[in-house]
Structures are given as structure tokens and as C-alpha cells.
Amino acid sequence: MIPIIRNVVLLFVSIIHFNLIFGQKFAVVSDIHGSFPATLSVSNLVKSWHPEFIITCGDNNYASANAIDAQIGQFYHEFIYPYTGSYGLGDSVNSFYSALGNHDVEDGGISSYLSYVNLPGNERYYDFVKGFVHFFCINSNADEPDGVADTSVQAQWLQNHLAASTSLYNLVYFHHSPYTSGMAHGSITYMQWPFKQWGATAVFSGHDHIYERLNVGNFPYFVCGTGGGALNAVSLVPGSQFIDNLHHGALLLEATAENLLVKFINTNDSLIDSYFIAPVISLNINKSESFDDPDVTIYPNPAGNHVSIRFKNNRQPYSITITDIFGRIVFFKHYINNSCNFETTIHEIDVEDLTKGIYFAKLSCQDKEYSGKIVIN
């Protein structure tokens, strides 16, 4: 019996180890424009990756053209639940998380769209968490009842939910690109919300039928409108880092505790572009139980060669412990009661020899503890 229990425990630990190291895999596709010749090629590419789920950045179908099942279900029914269309079996749980595009709402099409999909919240904008990632879907159509300005009800919802997120990555996706070199539509200024300041990790959009990676204000934006519709001409805008308007394709994302890898792959299964994104880490340590006036912070975070922990103390003994993602102690020190005063105490810790990744810090004082994450890049 004991060996069986031991093997089960080892299997459980191995699964945790696998998820931490190899993470999760999902796809991002936009502007499917069902029934275009390239739509089938892109869907076959996406399905060859065996992603856990798919998110789309709008224009899933033309509301005034073919029936919605012919434009979405024909190509992605394997990810939809409940699926009641005519192209085969659906998924056992929903794995298709779509955003609304302008073509999805034309000619009253939003009614058929909302009846067809099975999404959280009000289905126009919503959020969900999968593994390391918190996803936030926005309705960027100008007729959204809750508005599209950065002071709107919808924007306040996003700001509040981003602030409350505890995930390593906060990804926002919608249809109309805030910044793009695509000439068909160009940058949509009303969607240039302060995503970085609100706590987002990256923004994904479509509308222009190109692939583009931009850096605006030291923040990554991706345009991935290559899911099937005819590709557009481009005229480079400031912040453009990489652009491709010659290939249809989709994004394959792989999230681990250490980073989020974004890859644009074309329908020939060729890697066109790749980009690493570091996790979002809160500067404030999350308190399990508070002192009278804690104000505990870790900075800089992400850390370079050194990281500092700042807090207030009343001359009590305390210790600082840092562990890696597997619980192995990489730093420990106990401090006696005369090592700090009633005012702010700052301890600088050398982390130069630590490999990049996620670490966990713990500040212990008597029976009180603070804990939080540190990222080293």
C-alpha cells in the first residue's frame, strides 16, 4: 500500500513539475471570415497544434453572408460546447473564446452570434482564467452599450478586474487594433486605453488583415488578422517591430511560470516571428496577516542583480526566506531584534547568481508572515 501511495504522490509532483516547466498551449486567431479559401488552411494549422483552447479577435463570420455555422462551426466545431451544428462533434467543454468584430454585429448578426456561442459574463465582454493566464475579452465595436471610451463602464470593468487579477499574465483581446500599420483600417484611437498602467501584459487584436508586433510605450501589441480574409497593404507606423502581410496564419502561445512565448506561424507551418513576455508581478507583497502598519514592498520587480525588501518593524526578530518554484531555499537569513528600528527598514539582497524565473519571498516575524513573488530576468 505504501509504495502505491508513494507512486501517486510522485505522479502528482511530476504533473505539477510538468505544468510549471512546460505550461499551457493555446491559439489566437482573428478575422476568420468563414468560407474564404485560406480559412480552412488556417484552421487545419491551428488544429495540428492540439491547443487547449482558442481565442479569436473578432470577425468570426459575415453576418449578412452564409449561416454562422458554415463560417465558424465548419472550421472550429471541435472546440465549441455546446455544439449543435451540422459539421461533426463539438467539445466536451467550451474551448472557443471569441471576441465580437464589426462583421459579427452587422445586419442584426449579434443576435445569431450570441445564440451560437457559449461565453462567460454578458458574452460581449468577459474574462476567464486558464492556468497561468487571465484573459479579458473586450467588445471594441462602437455600438457597445457599455461604451468604448477609456472612461466607459466597460473600461472601468476592465480596469477593476485587471487590478484584482493574481495571474502571472493578463492578456486583453478584442477586434479593432489600437495601433496597426494596416492600411485598410489603420489605428483605432478610441481603443488606445492605458492597458499597461491598468496591469495588462499584452493586447491582441485584428481588423486589419496582417500580422504585426508593435511596442508602444514599452508595451506589446499584436495584430493577428490573418485567419482567412484577404490580406491588406501596410504603411509602417511608429512602434512597429515586425510585420507580415504575405502569409495567412495564427498565433501559438505557450505559457510557463517563467515566460509567455508568442509565435506567429504561417499555413506552411513555418515560424515567422516569436517574442517572449515576462510575467506581471505585483510590487506589493500579499499579506497573510498584517502588522500594525506594514507597508511592505519588494523592488525592483522584475529584479536585476539585487532586490530590496522594505517594511516597518518594532525591533522584533525576523527572517527572510526566498525559494524557487519547487520550494527549494535559495536565500535565508535571520535578523536579531537590534537590526532594525521603528522606521522603515530596507534589506538589499544579492540575486545575481540566481537564474531567471519566478521566486517566492517570505518575511517572518514571530507568528506573522508576508509572502510574495519575485521575478528575475
Protein backbone atom coordinates (compact mmCIF):
# COMPACT_ATOMS: atom_id res chain seq x y z
CA MET A 1 0.00 0.00 0.00
CA ILE A 2 2.80 2.43 0.90
CA PRO A 3 4.57 2.05 -2.49
CA ILE A 4 1.25 2.76 -4.22
CA ILE A 5 0.76 5.96 -2.20
CA ARG A 6 4.36 6.96 -2.86
CA ASN A 7 3.90 6.44 -6.61
CA VAL A 8 0.69 8.50 -6.61
CA VAL A 9 2.48 11.33 -4.78
CA LEU A 10 5.39 11.15 -7.22
CA LEU A 11 2.96 11.25 -10.15
CA PHE A 12 1.22 14.29 -8.64
CA VAL A 13 4.55 16.07 -8.14
CA SER A 14 5.57 15.18 -11.70
CA ILE A 15 2.35 16.70 -13.06
CA ILE A 16 2.97 19.91 -11.12
CA HIS A 17 6.57 19.94 -12.34
CA PHE A 18 5.41 19.42 -15.94
CA ASN A 19 2.87 22.25 -15.74
CA LEU A 20 5.36 24.66 -14.21
CA ILE A 21 8.04 23.93 -16.80
CA PHE A 22 6.05 23.18 -19.96
CA GLY A 23 2.94 25.19 -19.10
CA GLN A 24 -0.06 25.54 -21.35
CA LYS A 25 -0.56 25.91 -25.08
CA PHE A 26 -3.32 27.87 -26.80
CA ALA A 27 -4.01 29.61 -30.11
CA VAL A 28 -5.04 33.12 -31.14
CA VAL A 29 -6.73 33.65 -34.50
CA SER A 30 -8.62 36.59 -35.95
CA ASP A 31 -10.65 37.60 -38.98
CA ILE A 32 -11.66 34.05 -39.81
CA HIS A 33 -14.13 35.33 -42.39
CA GLY A 34 -15.51 31.83 -42.78
CA SER A 35 -15.65 30.24 -46.22
CA PHE A 36 -12.59 32.01 -47.60
CA PRO A 37 -10.10 29.51 -49.12
CA ALA A 38 -7.43 30.37 -46.54
CA THR A 39 -9.81 29.82 -43.61
CA LEU A 40 -9.56 26.04 -43.96
CA SER A 41 -5.76 26.15 -44.16
CA VAL A 42 -5.52 28.25 -41.01
CA SER A 43 -7.96 26.04 -39.10
CA ASN A 44 -6.02 22.91 -40.10
CA LEU A 45 -2.82 24.59 -38.90
CA VAL A 46 -4.37 25.52 -35.55
CA LYS A 47 -5.80 22.03 -35.01
CA SER A 48 -2.43 20.46 -35.79
CA TRP A 49 -1.07 22.15 -32.65
CA HIS A 50 -3.67 20.45 -30.43
CA PRO A 51 -4.16 23.63 -28.37
CA GLU A 52 -6.02 23.51 -25.08
CA PHE A 53 -8.34 26.26 -26.34
CA ILE A 54 -8.67 29.06 -28.92
CA ILE A 55 -9.32 32.76 -28.53
CA THR A 56 -10.42 34.86 -31.51
CA CYS A 57 -10.14 38.61 -32.05
CA GLY A 58 -13.38 39.10 -33.95
CA ASP A 59 -14.88 38.94 -37.42
CA ASN A 60 -15.66 35.30 -36.91
CA ASN A 61 -18.31 35.48 -39.60
CA TYR A 62 -20.06 37.83 -42.01
CA ALA A 63 -23.50 38.39 -40.52
CA SER A 64 -25.03 39.11 -43.91
CA ALA A 65 -23.41 36.18 -45.74
CA ASN A 66 -23.59 32.44 -45.04
CA ALA A 67 -25.14 30.90 -41.95
CA ILE A 68 -22.93 31.28 -38.87
CA ASP A 69 -22.34 27.52 -38.53
CA ALA A 70 -20.90 27.39 -42.04
CA GLN A 71 -18.44 30.12 -41.17
CA ILE A 72 -17.38 29.11 -37.66
CA GLY A 73 -18.53 25.58 -36.90
CA GLN A 74 -17.31 24.19 -40.21
CA PHE A 75 -13.74 25.06 -39.21
CA TYR A 76 -13.67 25.09 -35.39
CA HIS A 77 -16.58 22.93 -34.17
CA GLU A 78 -14.13 20.66 -32.31
CA PHE A 79 -13.59 23.47 -29.78
CA ILE A 80 -17.22 24.56 -29.29
CA TYR A 81 -19.54 23.45 -26.48
CA PRO A 82 -22.39 23.01 -26.64
CA TYR A 83 -22.16 22.49 -30.38
CA THR A 84 -25.49 21.96 -32.17
CA GLY A 85 -24.31 22.49 -35.75
CA SER A 86 -24.01 20.04 -38.59
CA TYR A 87 -20.25 19.63 -39.09
CA GLY A 88 -19.42 16.95 -36.54
CA LEU A 89 -18.91 16.59 -32.82
CA GLY A 90 -18.20 19.53 -30.54
CA ASP A 91 -16.02 19.67 -27.45
CA SER A 92 -16.97 18.31 -24.01
CA VAL A 93 -16.24 21.76 -22.53
CA ASN A 94 -16.14 25.07 -24.32
CA SER A 95 -12.68 25.82 -25.72
CA PHE A 96 -13.65 28.57 -28.18
CA TYR A 97 -13.50 32.09 -26.70
CA SER A 98 -14.38 34.63 -29.36
CA ALA A 99 -14.50 38.43 -29.43
CA LEU A 100 -17.02 40.44 -31.39
CA GLY A 101 -15.90 42.06 -34.64
CA ASN A 102 -17.70 44.59 -36.79
CA HIS A 103 -18.85 41.91 -39.25
CA ASP A 104 -20.24 39.80 -36.39
CA VAL A 105 -22.73 42.54 -35.48
CA GLU A 106 -23.77 43.79 -38.94
CA ASP A 107 -27.37 43.48 -40.07
CA GLY A 108 -28.52 42.29 -36.65
CA GLY A 109 -25.97 39.48 -36.67
CA ILE A 110 -25.16 39.93 -32.99
CA SER A 111 -28.33 38.03 -32.08
CA SER A 112 -27.31 34.94 -34.04
CA TYR A 113 -23.76 35.27 -32.71
CA LEU A 114 -24.81 35.44 -29.06
CA SER A 115 -27.15 32.48 -29.61
CA TYR A 116 -24.36 30.46 -31.22
CA VAL A 117 -21.51 30.99 -28.73
CA ASN A 118 -21.32 29.93 -25.08
CA LEU A 119 -19.21 32.52 -23.28
CA PRO A 120 -18.89 33.90 -19.73
CA GLY A 121 -20.46 37.10 -18.44
CA ASN A 122 -22.65 39.03 -20.87
CA GLU A 123 -20.75 37.36 -23.78
CA ARG A 124 -19.95 40.76 -25.33
CA TYR A 125 -17.10 41.34 -22.88
CA TYR A 126 -15.96 38.89 -20.23
CA ASP A 127 -12.96 37.34 -18.50
CA PHE A 128 -11.76 33.86 -17.58
CA VAL A 129 -8.66 32.22 -16.14
CA LYS A 130 -6.78 29.28 -17.64
CA GLY A 131 -3.64 28.10 -15.87
CA PHE A 132 -1.12 30.92 -15.59
CA VAL A 133 -3.19 33.32 -17.73
CA HIS A 134 -6.11 35.64 -17.03
CA PHE A 135 -7.93 36.55 -20.25
CA PHE A 136 -10.00 39.69 -20.76
CA CYS A 137 -12.21 39.91 -23.86
CA ILE A 138 -13.48 43.38 -24.82
CA ASN A 139 -16.17 44.46 -27.29
CA SER A 140 -14.46 47.17 -29.34
CA ASN A 141 -17.46 47.87 -31.59
CA ALA A 142 -18.50 51.50 -31.23
CA ASP A 143 -22.14 50.50 -30.56
CA GLU A 144 -21.27 48.58 -27.36
CA PRO A 145 -23.99 49.59 -24.84
CA ASP A 146 -21.41 49.99 -22.05
CA GLY A 147 -19.16 52.19 -24.18
CA VAL A 148 -15.70 52.01 -25.71
CA ALA A 149 -14.03 55.11 -24.26
CA ASP A 150 -11.34 54.55 -21.66
CA THR A 151 -13.70 56.07 -19.08
CA SER A 152 -16.70 53.91 -20.08
CA VAL A 153 -18.46 51.32 -17.94
CA GLN A 154 -16.75 48.60 -19.97
CA ALA A 155 -13.30 50.18 -19.47
CA GLN A 156 -13.90 50.58 -15.74
CA TRP A 157 -14.85 46.89 -15.61
CA LEU A 158 -11.53 46.01 -17.28
CA GLN A 159 -9.51 48.31 -15.03
CA ASN A 160 -11.07 46.87 -11.87
CA HIS A 161 -10.68 43.25 -12.97
CA LEU A 162 -7.06 43.76 -14.03
CA ALA A 163 -6.32 45.31 -10.64
CA ALA A 164 -7.84 42.29 -8.90
CA SER A 165 -6.04 39.69 -11.03
CA THR A 166 -3.49 37.44 -9.32
CA SER A 167 -2.38 35.66 -12.51
CA LEU A 168 1.14 35.76 -13.95
CA TYR A 169 -0.15 37.02 -17.32
CA ASN A 170 -3.11 39.31 -18.06
CA LEU A 171 -3.97 39.20 -21.76
CA VAL A 172 -6.53 41.56 -23.28
CA TYR A 173 -8.06 40.82 -26.68
CA PHE A 174 -10.63 42.47 -28.96
CA HIS A 175 -11.16 43.29 -32.63
CA HIS A 176 -10.25 46.89 -33.53
CA SER A 177 -6.48 47.39 -33.33
CA PRO A 178 -5.34 50.37 -31.21
CA TYR A 179 -2.11 50.52 -33.23
CA THR A 180 -1.54 48.99 -36.66
CA SER A 181 0.33 49.55 -39.90
CA GLY A 182 -2.55 48.05 -41.87
CA MET A 183 -3.90 50.49 -44.43
CA ALA A 184 -7.40 49.01 -44.68
CA HIS A 185 -8.47 50.47 -41.32
CA GLY A 186 -5.45 51.91 -39.53
CA SER A 187 -5.05 52.57 -35.81
CA ILE A 188 -8.33 52.88 -33.91
CA THR A 189 -7.63 55.69 -31.47
CA TYR A 190 -10.68 55.19 -29.27
CA MET A 191 -9.23 51.79 -28.24
CA GLN A 192 -5.89 53.24 -27.12
CA TRP A 193 -6.70 52.61 -23.46
CA PRO A 194 -3.94 52.69 -20.77
CA PHE A 195 -3.66 48.90 -20.72
CA LYS A 196 -0.13 48.84 -19.32
CA GLN A 197 -0.98 51.18 -16.45
CA TRP A 198 -4.02 49.07 -15.60
CA GLY A 199 -1.91 45.90 -15.29
CA ALA A 200 -2.23 44.14 -18.66
CA THR A 201 0.63 42.03 -20.02
CA ALA A 202 -0.18 42.36 -23.75
CA VAL A 203 -3.01 43.26 -26.15
CA PHE A 204 -4.16 41.17 -29.13
CA SER A 205 -6.44 42.44 -31.91
CA GLY A 206 -7.34 42.04 -35.58
CA HIS A 207 -9.45 44.09 -38.03
CA ASP A 208 -6.53 44.78 -40.39
CA HIS A 209 -5.63 41.55 -42.19
CA ILE A 210 -1.94 41.46 -41.32
CA TYR A 211 0.35 40.12 -38.65
CA GLU A 212 2.17 42.79 -36.72
CA ARG A 213 4.06 43.06 -33.44
CA LEU A 214 4.34 46.56 -32.03
CA ASN A 215 5.97 48.13 -28.99
CA VAL A 216 4.16 51.27 -27.89
CA GLY A 217 5.22 52.84 -24.60
CA ASN A 218 7.29 49.74 -23.77
CA PHE A 219 4.18 47.57 -24.05
CA PRO A 220 3.49 44.80 -26.62
CA TYR A 221 0.59 44.90 -29.06
CA PHE A 222 -0.15 42.13 -31.57
CA VAL A 223 -2.31 42.33 -34.70
CA CYS A 224 -3.29 38.86 -35.93
CA GLY A 225 -5.90 39.39 -38.64
CA THR A 226 -4.53 36.57 -40.82
CA GLY A 227 -7.18 33.93 -40.11
CA GLY A 228 -8.70 33.71 -43.58
CA GLY A 229 -9.67 37.04 -45.15
CA ALA A 230 -7.73 38.67 -48.00
CA LEU A 231 -4.52 40.28 -46.73
CA ASN A 232 -4.06 44.09 -46.62
CA ALA A 233 -1.41 46.57 -47.68
CA VAL A 234 0.70 48.25 -44.99
CA SER A 235 2.32 51.57 -44.21
CA LEU A 236 4.60 51.39 -41.18
CA VAL A 237 3.61 53.32 -38.07
CA PRO A 238 5.81 54.24 -35.08
CA GLY A 239 6.32 51.32 -32.73
CA SER A 240 6.15 48.61 -35.41
CA GLN A 241 8.68 45.87 -34.60
CA PHE A 242 7.76 43.13 -37.07
CA ILE A 243 5.16 42.91 -39.83
CA ASP A 244 3.98 40.29 -42.32
CA ASN A 245 1.17 40.83 -44.82
CA LEU A 246 2.16 37.98 -47.15
CA HIS A 247 1.04 34.94 -45.16
CA HIS A 248 -2.11 33.66 -43.55
CA GLY A 249 -1.57 32.02 -40.18
CA ALA A 250 -2.25 32.15 -36.46
CA LEU A 251 -0.52 32.68 -33.14
CA LEU A 252 0.61 29.82 -30.95
CA LEU A 253 1.18 30.85 -27.32
CA GLU A 254 2.97 28.81 -24.68
CA ALA A 255 2.76 29.99 -21.06
CA THR A 256 5.03 28.79 -18.27
CA ALA A 257 5.88 30.23 -14.86
CA GLU A 258 8.99 31.81 -16.40
CA ASN A 259 7.64 33.45 -19.56
CA LEU A 260 4.96 33.64 -22.22
CA LEU A 261 6.17 32.74 -25.72
CA VAL A 262 4.19 34.19 -28.65
CA LYS A 263 4.81 32.63 -32.09
CA PHE A 264 3.30 33.63 -35.43
CA ILE A 265 3.23 30.58 -37.70
CA ASN A 266 2.02 30.60 -41.30
CA THR A 267 -0.08 27.98 -43.08
CA ASN A 268 3.10 26.30 -44.35
CA ASP A 269 3.86 25.62 -40.68
CA SER A 270 6.85 27.99 -40.81
CA LEU A 271 7.77 30.13 -37.83
CA ILE A 272 7.63 33.77 -38.97
CA ASP A 273 8.10 35.64 -35.69
CA SER A 274 8.48 34.89 -31.98
CA TYR A 275 8.54 37.01 -28.84
CA PHE A 276 9.00 36.38 -25.10
CA ILE A 277 6.92 38.21 -22.50
CA ALA A 278 7.81 38.32 -18.78
CA PRO A 279 5.12 37.80 -16.13
CA VAL A 280 3.23 40.61 -14.46
CA ILE A 281 4.32 40.76 -10.81
CA SER A 282 2.75 42.95 -8.15
CA LEU A 283 5.16 45.23 -6.28
CA ASN A 284 3.28 44.78 -3.02
CA ILE A 285 3.66 41.59 -1.02
CA ASN A 286 0.33 39.93 -0.32
CA LYS A 287 -0.14 39.83 3.46
CA SER A 288 -1.40 36.69 5.19
CA GLU A 289 -1.66 38.65 8.45
CA SER A 290 -0.77 42.28 8.93
CA PHE A 291 1.40 44.20 11.35
CA ASP A 292 0.03 47.44 12.77
CA ASP A 293 1.48 49.49 9.90
CA PRO A 294 3.13 47.10 7.43
CA ASP A 295 3.67 48.88 4.09
CA VAL A 296 5.80 46.01 2.82
CA THR A 297 7.19 46.15 -0.73
CA ILE A 298 9.66 44.31 -2.94
CA TYR A 299 11.54 46.35 -5.54
CA PRO A 300 12.67 46.47 -8.25
CA ASN A 301 10.38 43.76 -9.55
CA PRO A 302 11.36 42.36 -12.06
CA ALA A 303 14.75 42.30 -10.35
CA GLY A 304 18.23 42.70 -11.79
CA ASN A 305 21.30 41.83 -9.72
CA HIS A 306 19.71 42.96 -6.46
CA VAL A 307 16.26 43.07 -4.91
CA SER A 308 15.21 45.06 -1.84
CA ILE A 309 12.52 44.36 0.74
CA ARG A 310 11.19 47.42 2.57
CA PHE A 311 8.95 47.33 5.63
CA LYS A 312 8.35 48.78 9.10
CA ASN A 313 9.29 46.94 12.28
CA ASN A 314 9.18 47.44 16.04
CA ARG A 315 12.52 45.83 16.90
CA GLN A 316 11.22 42.26 16.70
CA PRO A 317 13.42 39.38 15.41
CA TYR A 318 12.57 38.40 11.85
CA SER A 319 13.80 36.29 8.94
CA ILE A 320 13.71 36.50 5.16
CA THR A 321 13.44 33.35 3.02
CA ILE A 322 13.46 33.12 -0.79
CA THR A 323 12.55 29.86 -2.55
CA ASP A 324 12.30 28.81 -6.19
CA ILE A 325 9.14 27.43 -7.83
CA PHE A 326 9.90 23.94 -6.49
CA GLY A 327 10.20 25.11 -2.90
CA ARG A 328 13.99 24.92 -2.74
CA ILE A 329 15.51 27.60 -0.48
CA VAL A 330 17.89 29.87 -2.39
CA PHE A 331 18.27 32.53 0.33
CA PHE A 332 17.69 32.59 4.10
CA LYS A 333 18.80 34.95 6.84
CA HIS A 334 17.65 35.55 10.40
CA TYR A 335 17.93 39.05 11.84
CA ILE A 336 18.16 39.81 15.57
CA ASN A 337 16.00 42.40 17.27
CA ASN A 338 18.51 45.23 17.15
CA SER A 339 18.95 45.04 13.38
CA CYS A 340 16.12 47.46 12.62
CA ASN A 341 14.30 50.39 14.13
CA PHE A 342 10.77 51.72 14.34
CA GLU A 343 11.09 53.45 11.00
CA THR A 344 11.39 52.00 7.50
CA THR A 345 13.81 49.09 7.19
CA ILE A 346 15.32 48.18 3.82
CA HIS A 347 17.20 44.97 3.12
CA GLU A 348 19.05 44.63 -0.17
CA ILE A 349 19.59 41.03 -1.27
CA ASP A 350 22.08 39.90 -3.91
CA VAL A 351 20.31 37.71 -6.51
CA GLU A 352 22.95 37.97 -9.23
CA ASP A 353 23.72 34.23 -9.10
CA LEU A 354 20.08 33.13 -9.45
CA THR A 355 18.80 32.02 -12.84
CA LYS A 356 15.92 33.98 -14.37
CA GLY A 357 12.43 32.94 -13.36
CA ILE A 358 9.86 33.15 -10.58
CA TYR A 359 10.81 33.08 -6.90
CA PHE A 360 8.84 33.42 -3.70
CA ALA A 361 9.84 35.65 -0.79
CA LYS A 362 8.67 35.24 2.81
CA LEU A 363 9.17 37.75 5.62
CA SER A 364 8.56 36.15 9.05
CA CYS A 365 8.32 38.00 12.35
CA GLN A 366 7.18 35.99 15.39
CA ASP A 367 3.88 34.41 14.26
CA LYS A 368 3.27 36.90 11.44
CA GLU A 369 4.19 36.33 7.79
CA TYR A 370 4.20 38.20 4.50
CA SER A 371 4.68 36.40 1.20
CA GLY A 372 5.00 37.47 -2.42
CA LYS A 373 6.54 36.73 -5.81
CA ILE A 374 9.79 37.99 -7.29
CA VAL A 375 10.65 37.73 -10.98
CA ILE A 376 14.29 37.76 -12.01
CA ASN A 377 15.04 38.49 -15.65
